[in-house]
Amino acid sequence: MSRVLSFWNQTITRIRPGVKSVRGQDIPDWDNADELIIENCSVQPNGTTLSQDGRVLGISQGLTVYAPADADIFAGDRIKYQNDVYTIDGELQRWPSPTGRLEHIRFNIVRWQG
């Protein structure tokens, strides 16, 4: 698939946990995560929220990622973008194209501070 749009020029890193067994249960092992660089993405802001009860408790930053259709990304992975690590918020949406030129995966990522 060729990208004809010049704004698909950002790079993300997919972080996927390894697996370890604790008391007979397989759980994610983020200390032994696998990283994969994914190019030809478009990352766009989608909003921020402020958590407060008279004082600021935390701020979230959300981004929407448009990645190539064949990108190895799943819900549960984490995404590193511009040196910050985000969690995937919700399920990935795979968008096929009738022409095959703009097929992509769309998903939201979020990061909390505070």
C-alpha atoms as a PDB file:
ATOM      1  CA  MET A   1       0.000   0.000   0.000  1.00  0.00           C
ATOM      2  CA  SER A   2       1.376   3.421  -0.835  1.00  0.00           C
ATOM      3  CA  ARG A   3       0.843   6.461   1.314  1.00  0.00           C
ATOM      4  CA  VAL A   4      -0.022   9.449  -0.807  1.00  0.00           C
ATOM      5  CA  LEU A   5      -0.694  11.784   2.075  1.00  0.00           C
ATOM      6  CA  SER A   6       2.307  13.676   3.422  1.00  0.00           C
ATOM      7  CA  PHE A   7       0.924  13.935   6.961  1.00  0.00           C
ATOM      8  CA  TRP A   8       1.388  10.178   7.548  1.00  0.00           C
ATOM      9  CA  ASN A   9       4.969  10.895   8.604  1.00  0.00           C
ATOM     10  CA  GLN A  10       5.115  10.164  12.329  1.00  0.00           C
ATOM     11  CA  THR A  11       6.653   7.168  14.064  1.00  0.00           C
ATOM     12  CA  ILE A  12       5.343   5.335  17.127  1.00  0.00           C
ATOM     13  CA  THR A  13       6.767   2.444  19.116  1.00  0.00           C
ATOM     14  CA  ARG A  14       4.475  -0.411  20.064  1.00  0.00           C
ATOM     15  CA  ILE A  15       5.295  -1.927  23.470  1.00  0.00           C
ATOM     16  CA  ARG A  16       3.897  -5.411  24.156  1.00  0.00           C
ATOM     17  CA  PRO A  17       4.404  -7.136  27.503  1.00  0.00           C
ATOM     18  CA  GLY A  18       6.018 -10.507  27.863  1.00  0.00           C
ATOM     19  CA  VAL A  19       4.228 -13.130  29.927  1.00  0.00           C
ATOM     20  CA  LYS A  20       5.164 -14.509  33.319  1.00  0.00           C
ATOM     21  CA  SER A  21       3.475 -17.040  35.539  1.00  0.00           C
ATOM     22  CA  VAL A  22       2.470 -15.996  39.053  1.00  0.00           C
ATOM     23  CA  ARG A  23       0.715 -18.574  41.249  1.00  0.00           C
ATOM     24  CA  GLY A  24      -0.255 -20.568  38.165  1.00  0.00           C
ATOM     25  CA  GLN A  25      -1.679 -17.583  36.280  1.00  0.00           C
ATOM     26  CA  ASP A  26      -0.123 -15.998  33.201  1.00  0.00           C
ATOM     27  CA  ILE A  27       0.104 -12.232  33.666  1.00  0.00           C
ATOM     28  CA  PRO A  28       1.669  -9.410  31.616  1.00  0.00           C
ATOM     29  CA  ASP A  29       5.375  -8.893  32.266  1.00  0.00           C
ATOM     30  CA  TRP A  30       6.160  -5.254  31.447  1.00  0.00           C
ATOM     31  CA  ASP A  31       9.765  -5.717  32.631  1.00  0.00           C
ATOM     32  CA  ASN A  32      10.310  -7.989  29.617  1.00  0.00           C
ATOM     33  CA  ALA A  33       8.346  -6.112  26.982  1.00  0.00           C
ATOM     34  CA  ASP A  34       8.894  -6.303  23.230  1.00  0.00           C
ATOM     35  CA  GLU A  35       9.166  -3.050  21.264  1.00  0.00           C
ATOM     36  CA  LEU A  36       8.393  -2.540  17.573  1.00  0.00           C
ATOM     37  CA  ILE A  37       8.872   0.718  15.651  1.00  0.00           C
ATOM     38  CA  ILE A  38       5.937   1.540  13.371  1.00  0.00           C
ATOM     39  CA  GLU A  39       6.421   4.238  10.735  1.00  0.00           C
ATOM     40  CA  ASN A  40       3.997   6.029   8.404  1.00  0.00           C
ATOM     41  CA  CYS A  41       1.532   6.978  11.129  1.00  0.00           C
ATOM     42  CA  SER A  42      -0.486  10.113  11.732  1.00  0.00           C
ATOM     43  CA  VAL A  43      -0.856  11.151  15.378  1.00  0.00           C
ATOM     44  CA  GLN A  44      -3.429  13.846  16.150  1.00  0.00           C
ATOM     45  CA  PRO A  45      -4.568  15.463  19.421  1.00  0.00           C
ATOM     46  CA  ASN A  46      -8.029  14.451  20.602  1.00  0.00           C
ATOM     47  CA  GLY A  47      -8.351  16.274  23.906  1.00  0.00           C
ATOM     48  CA  THR A  48      -7.305  16.567  27.505  1.00  0.00           C
ATOM     49  CA  THR A  49      -9.170  16.242  30.777  1.00  0.00           C
ATOM     50  CA  LEU A  50      -8.534  17.625  34.236  1.00  0.00           C
ATOM     51  CA  SER A  51      -9.325  15.677  37.398  1.00  0.00           C
ATOM     52  CA  GLN A  52      -9.825  17.893  40.415  1.00  0.00           C
ATOM     53  CA  ASP A  53     -11.660  18.307  43.705  1.00  0.00           C
ATOM     54  CA  GLY A  54     -10.600  21.868  44.484  1.00  0.00           C
ATOM     55  CA  ARG A  55      -7.041  21.044  43.551  1.00  0.00           C
ATOM     56  CA  VAL A  56      -5.571  19.465  40.456  1.00  0.00           C
ATOM     57  CA  LEU A  57      -5.347  15.684  40.936  1.00  0.00           C
ATOM     58  CA  GLY A  58      -4.321  14.722  37.437  1.00  0.00           C
ATOM     59  CA  ILE A  59      -4.380  15.622  33.782  1.00  0.00           C
ATOM     60  CA  SER A  60      -4.909  13.231  30.908  1.00  0.00           C
ATOM     61  CA  GLN A  61      -3.723  13.784  27.380  1.00  0.00           C
ATOM     62  CA  GLY A  62      -5.410  11.912  24.558  1.00  0.00           C
ATOM     63  CA  LEU A  63      -4.213  11.330  21.010  1.00  0.00           C
ATOM     64  CA  THR A  64      -5.731   9.570  18.003  1.00  0.00           C
ATOM     65  CA  VAL A  65      -3.374   7.384  15.995  1.00  0.00           C
ATOM     66  CA  TYR A  66      -3.848   6.391  12.373  1.00  0.00           C
ATOM     67  CA  ALA A  67      -1.455   3.522  11.597  1.00  0.00           C
ATOM     68  CA  PRO A  68      -0.853   1.337   8.536  1.00  0.00           C
ATOM     69  CA  ALA A  69      -3.400  -1.462   8.104  1.00  0.00           C
ATOM     70  CA  ASP A  70      -0.751  -4.160   8.608  1.00  0.00           C
ATOM     71  CA  ALA A  71       0.672  -2.686  11.839  1.00  0.00           C
ATOM     72  CA  ASP A  72       1.190  -5.268  14.607  1.00  0.00           C
ATOM     73  CA  ILE A  73      -0.858  -3.526  17.320  1.00  0.00           C
ATOM     74  CA  PHE A  74      -3.518  -4.887  19.674  1.00  0.00           C
ATOM     75  CA  ALA A  75      -5.602  -3.527  22.544  1.00  0.00           C
ATOM     76  CA  GLY A  76      -3.515  -4.059  25.684  1.00  0.00           C
ATOM     77  CA  ASP A  77      -0.306  -2.863  24.046  1.00  0.00           C
ATOM     78  CA  ARG A  78       1.254   0.426  25.053  1.00  0.00           C
ATOM     79  CA  ILE A  79       2.450   3.100  22.641  1.00  0.00           C
ATOM     80  CA  LYS A  80       5.532   5.295  22.982  1.00  0.00           C
ATOM     81  CA  TYR A  81       5.260   8.592  21.114  1.00  0.00           C
ATOM     82  CA  GLN A  82       7.679  11.516  21.493  1.00  0.00           C
ATOM     83  CA  ASN A  83       9.278   9.848  24.548  1.00  0.00           C
ATOM     84  CA  ASP A  84       5.976   9.518  26.433  1.00  0.00           C
ATOM     85  CA  VAL A  85       4.257   6.177  27.050  1.00  0.00           C
ATOM     86  CA  TYR A  86       0.502   5.912  26.475  1.00  0.00           C
ATOM     87  CA  THR A  87      -2.060   3.168  26.969  1.00  0.00           C
ATOM     88  CA  ILE A  88      -4.474   2.207  24.218  1.00  0.00           C
ATOM     89  CA  ASP A  89      -7.942   3.421  25.172  1.00  0.00           C
ATOM     90  CA  GLY A  90     -10.528   1.001  23.805  1.00  0.00           C
ATOM     91  CA  GLU A  91     -10.487  -1.347  20.841  1.00  0.00           C
ATOM     92  CA  LEU A  92      -8.670  -0.744  17.572  1.00  0.00           C
ATOM     93  CA  GLN A  93     -10.794   0.123  14.539  1.00  0.00           C
ATOM     94  CA  ARG A  94      -9.667  -1.344  11.226  1.00  0.00           C
ATOM     95  CA  TRP A  95     -10.833   0.727   8.264  1.00  0.00           C
ATOM     96  CA  PRO A  96     -10.662  -0.943   4.849  1.00  0.00           C
ATOM     97  CA  SER A  97     -10.750   1.198   1.750  1.00  0.00           C
ATOM     98  CA  PRO A  98     -12.535   0.350  -1.488  1.00  0.00           C
ATOM     99  CA  THR A  99      -9.511   1.655  -3.407  1.00  0.00           C
ATOM    100  CA  GLY A 100      -6.887   0.090  -1.127  1.00  0.00           C
ATOM    101  CA  ARG A 101      -5.000   3.379  -0.884  1.00  0.00           C
ATOM    102  CA  LEU A 102      -6.086   4.616   2.537  1.00  0.00           C
ATOM    103  CA  GLU A 103      -6.583   1.453   4.572  1.00  0.00           C
ATOM    104  CA  HIS A 104      -5.564   2.017   8.161  1.00  0.00           C
ATOM    105  CA  ILE A 105      -6.026   1.233  11.828  1.00  0.00           C
ATOM    106  CA  ARG A 106      -7.436   3.987  14.035  1.00  0.00           C
ATOM    107  CA  PHE A 107      -7.144   3.962  17.821  1.00  0.00           C
ATOM    108  CA  ASN A 108      -6.968   6.341  20.752  1.00  0.00           C
ATOM    109  CA  ILE A 109      -4.162   6.512  23.276  1.00  0.00           C
ATOM    110  CA  VAL A 110      -4.127   8.258  26.644  1.00  0.00           C
ATOM    111  CA  ARG A 111      -1.557   9.197  29.269  1.00  0.00           C
ATOM    112  CA  TRP A 112      -2.141  10.450  32.818  1.00  0.00           C
ATOM    113  CA  GLN A 113       0.033  12.860  34.769  1.00  0.00           C
ATOM    114  CA  GLY A 114      -0.371  13.634  38.437  1.00  0.00           C
END
